Amino acid sequence: MPIHMIGGYTMKEQLYTIPVMNAYFVTCTDYITDENGNVTEVHCTYDPETKNGTGFTGRKVKGTIHWVEATTAVKAEVRLYENIVDEEKGVYNEDGSLNLNPNSLTVLKECYIEPAIKEAKSLDSFQFLRQGYFCVDCKDSKEDHLVFNRIVSLKSSYKPA
């Protein structure tokens, strides 16, 4: 879903205020798109009273974003592993074969991560915010092609409206 359609509203129909992790509350006031409708620029104001999550008594926010600056970010492949057996449907199929989860592996080819992780070595582990714990793949990861495997997922409290 494009950024300008979050919550069914376009940014021009509704101003969005959201905290940026380790920074300020920002309010989107406008945006610019390319010829395909992709957002290429976001114009915001910030509230200097809210540095590092302080000074927002009485204001309700729906979440916090973590900004990764695109020109310095490092591209990586991220593999999201789930249970190999779909236990919700039962461990075994009617014919006695294992009920394999077709979604046990999702591969995200173009993820952007913090540049500090560029120096990561085989089996180094990290927490990716709101996603879980990941380690550098010891077989497929190379200096010019980092691969991270999720080793523990985080429980989500998100409930769609």
Protein backbone atom coordinates (compact mmCIF):
# COMPACT_ATOMS: atom_id res chain seq x y z
CA MET A 1 0.00 0.00 0.00
CA PRO A 2 1.53 3.35 -0.95
CA ILE A 3 2.46 5.63 1.93
CA HIS A 4 -0.05 8.21 0.79
CA MET A 5 -2.97 5.78 1.30
CA ILE A 6 -2.31 4.77 4.93
CA GLY A 7 -5.57 4.15 6.76
CA GLY A 8 -7.65 4.80 3.63
CA TYR A 9 -6.84 8.51 3.70
CA THR A 10 -4.39 10.37 1.53
CA MET A 11 -1.86 12.57 3.27
CA LYS A 12 -3.55 15.63 1.81
CA GLU A 13 -6.87 14.61 3.36
CA GLN A 14 -5.45 14.06 6.83
CA LEU A 15 -2.28 15.24 8.55
CA TYR A 16 -0.31 12.39 10.08
CA THR A 17 1.67 12.90 13.26
CA ILE A 18 3.94 10.06 14.23
CA PRO A 19 7.02 9.70 16.43
CA VAL A 20 10.32 8.89 14.76
CA MET A 21 12.42 6.61 16.96
CA ASN A 22 15.10 8.48 18.93
CA ALA A 23 14.00 11.77 17.38
CA TYR A 24 10.80 13.88 17.36
CA PHE A 25 7.14 13.71 16.49
CA VAL A 26 6.80 14.63 12.83
CA THR A 27 3.70 15.75 10.96
CA CYS A 28 3.44 15.17 7.25
CA THR A 29 2.26 18.37 5.57
CA ASP A 30 2.72 17.39 1.92
CA TYR A 31 4.37 14.88 -0.40
CA ILE A 32 5.62 14.61 -3.98
CA THR A 33 5.15 11.60 -6.24
CA ASP A 34 6.80 10.49 -9.45
CA GLU A 35 4.97 9.74 -12.71
CA ASN A 36 4.01 6.28 -11.37
CA GLY A 37 2.46 7.62 -8.18
CA ASN A 38 5.33 6.50 -5.93
CA VAL A 39 6.12 8.90 -3.11
CA THR A 40 9.57 10.39 -3.71
CA GLU A 41 9.54 13.22 -1.14
CA VAL A 42 7.73 13.73 2.14
CA HIS A 43 7.46 17.26 3.58
CA CYS A 44 7.16 17.35 7.36
CA THR A 45 7.33 19.60 10.35
CA TYR A 46 8.62 18.47 13.73
CA ASP A 47 7.64 19.31 17.28
CA PRO A 48 10.81 20.33 19.17
CA GLU A 49 9.06 19.62 22.51
CA THR A 50 8.99 15.88 21.76
CA LYS A 51 12.69 15.02 21.49
CA ASN A 52 13.38 11.33 22.21
CA GLY A 53 9.75 10.59 23.08
CA THR A 54 9.22 13.25 25.75
CA GLY A 55 6.77 16.13 25.99
CA PHE A 56 3.69 14.55 24.44
CA THR A 57 1.43 14.26 27.46
CA GLY A 58 -2.17 13.93 26.35
CA ARG A 59 -1.34 13.15 22.71
CA LYS A 60 -2.23 9.72 21.40
CA VAL A 61 -0.12 8.23 18.65
CA LYS A 62 -0.59 4.97 16.77
CA GLY A 63 3.03 3.90 16.56
CA THR A 64 6.66 4.83 16.10
CA ILE A 65 8.61 4.62 12.87
CA HIS A 66 12.27 3.81 12.47
CA TRP A 67 13.77 5.75 9.60
CA VAL A 68 16.60 4.27 7.54
CA GLU A 69 18.17 6.88 5.28
CA ALA A 70 18.08 5.47 1.73
CA THR A 71 21.36 6.86 0.41
CA THR A 72 23.43 5.32 3.22
CA ALA A 73 21.37 2.17 3.81
CA VAL A 74 22.77 -1.25 2.95
CA LYS A 75 20.75 -3.63 0.77
CA ALA A 76 20.22 -7.11 2.19
CA GLU A 77 18.24 -10.28 1.66
CA VAL A 78 16.10 -11.26 4.63
CA ARG A 79 14.61 -14.71 5.13
CA LEU A 80 11.55 -15.06 7.34
CA TYR A 81 11.09 -18.61 8.64
CA GLU A 82 7.84 -19.93 10.09
CA ASN A 83 6.88 -23.40 11.35
CA ILE A 84 7.47 -26.00 8.65
CA VAL A 85 4.38 -27.93 9.76
CA ASP A 86 1.00 -26.16 9.63
CA GLU A 87 -0.16 -27.16 13.12
CA GLU A 88 -3.41 -25.16 12.89
CA LYS A 89 -4.66 -27.69 10.34
CA GLY A 90 -3.13 -30.61 12.22
CA VAL A 91 0.30 -32.15 11.94
CA TYR A 92 -0.81 -34.86 9.51
CA ASN A 93 -2.97 -34.84 6.37
CA GLU A 94 -5.72 -37.45 5.93
CA ASP A 95 -3.29 -39.67 3.97
CA GLY A 96 -0.80 -39.64 6.86
CA SER A 97 1.70 -37.29 5.22
CA LEU A 98 2.98 -34.22 7.05
CA ASN A 99 0.86 -31.10 6.63
CA LEU A 100 3.62 -28.79 5.41
CA ASN A 101 3.20 -25.04 5.71
CA PRO A 102 3.52 -23.54 2.20
CA ASN A 103 4.47 -20.22 3.84
CA SER A 104 7.28 -21.62 6.00
CA LEU A 105 9.83 -19.45 4.16
CA THR A 106 9.41 -15.93 2.80
CA VAL A 107 12.44 -14.36 1.11
CA LEU A 108 12.63 -10.54 0.97
CA LYS A 109 15.23 -9.68 -1.67
CA GLU A 110 15.55 -5.89 -1.33
CA CYS A 111 15.55 -4.83 2.30
CA TYR A 112 17.35 -1.70 3.45
CA ILE A 113 19.20 -1.84 6.74
CA GLU A 114 21.40 0.41 8.85
CA PRO A 115 24.90 0.87 7.38
CA ALA A 116 26.55 -0.19 10.66
CA ILE A 117 25.45 -3.77 9.97
CA LYS A 118 27.56 -3.85 6.79
CA GLU A 119 30.50 -5.17 8.84
CA ALA A 120 28.51 -8.13 10.21
CA LYS A 121 30.18 -11.52 10.05
CA SER A 122 28.80 -15.04 9.74
CA LEU A 123 26.41 -15.92 12.60
CA ASP A 124 26.43 -12.39 14.13
CA SER A 125 22.93 -11.73 15.45
CA PHE A 126 20.76 -8.61 15.66
CA GLN A 127 17.27 -7.56 16.65
CA PHE A 128 15.41 -6.00 13.72
CA LEU A 129 12.80 -3.70 15.22
CA ARG A 130 9.34 -5.22 15.50
CA GLN A 131 10.40 -8.20 13.41
CA GLY A 132 12.52 -10.46 15.57
CA TYR A 133 16.07 -11.68 15.97
CA PHE A 134 18.19 -12.42 12.92
CA CYS A 135 21.62 -13.86 12.25
CA VAL A 136 23.94 -13.52 9.29
CA ASP A 137 23.62 -16.61 7.09
CA CYS A 138 26.88 -18.58 7.27
CA LYS A 139 26.52 -20.14 3.80
CA ASP A 140 24.90 -17.59 1.46
CA SER A 141 25.95 -14.24 2.94
CA LYS A 142 28.82 -12.45 1.19
CA GLU A 143 30.46 -9.08 1.71
CA ASP A 144 28.54 -7.62 -1.24
CA HIS A 145 25.30 -9.60 -0.60
CA LEU A 146 24.27 -9.81 3.06
CA VAL A 147 21.71 -12.49 3.96
CA PHE A 148 19.93 -12.54 7.31
CA ASN A 149 17.82 -15.42 8.68
CA ARG A 150 15.11 -14.82 11.26
CA ILE A 151 15.85 -17.07 14.21
CA VAL A 152 13.16 -15.81 16.62
CA SER A 153 10.06 -13.81 15.69
CA LEU A 154 8.45 -11.25 17.97
CA LYS A 155 4.89 -11.61 19.11
CA SER A 156 2.76 -8.94 17.48
CA SER A 157 0.09 -7.00 19.38
CA TYR A 158 -1.15 -5.44 16.11
CA LYS A 159 -4.86 -5.99 15.50
CA PRO A 160 -6.29 -4.70 12.21
CA ALA A 161 -9.26 -2.36 12.62
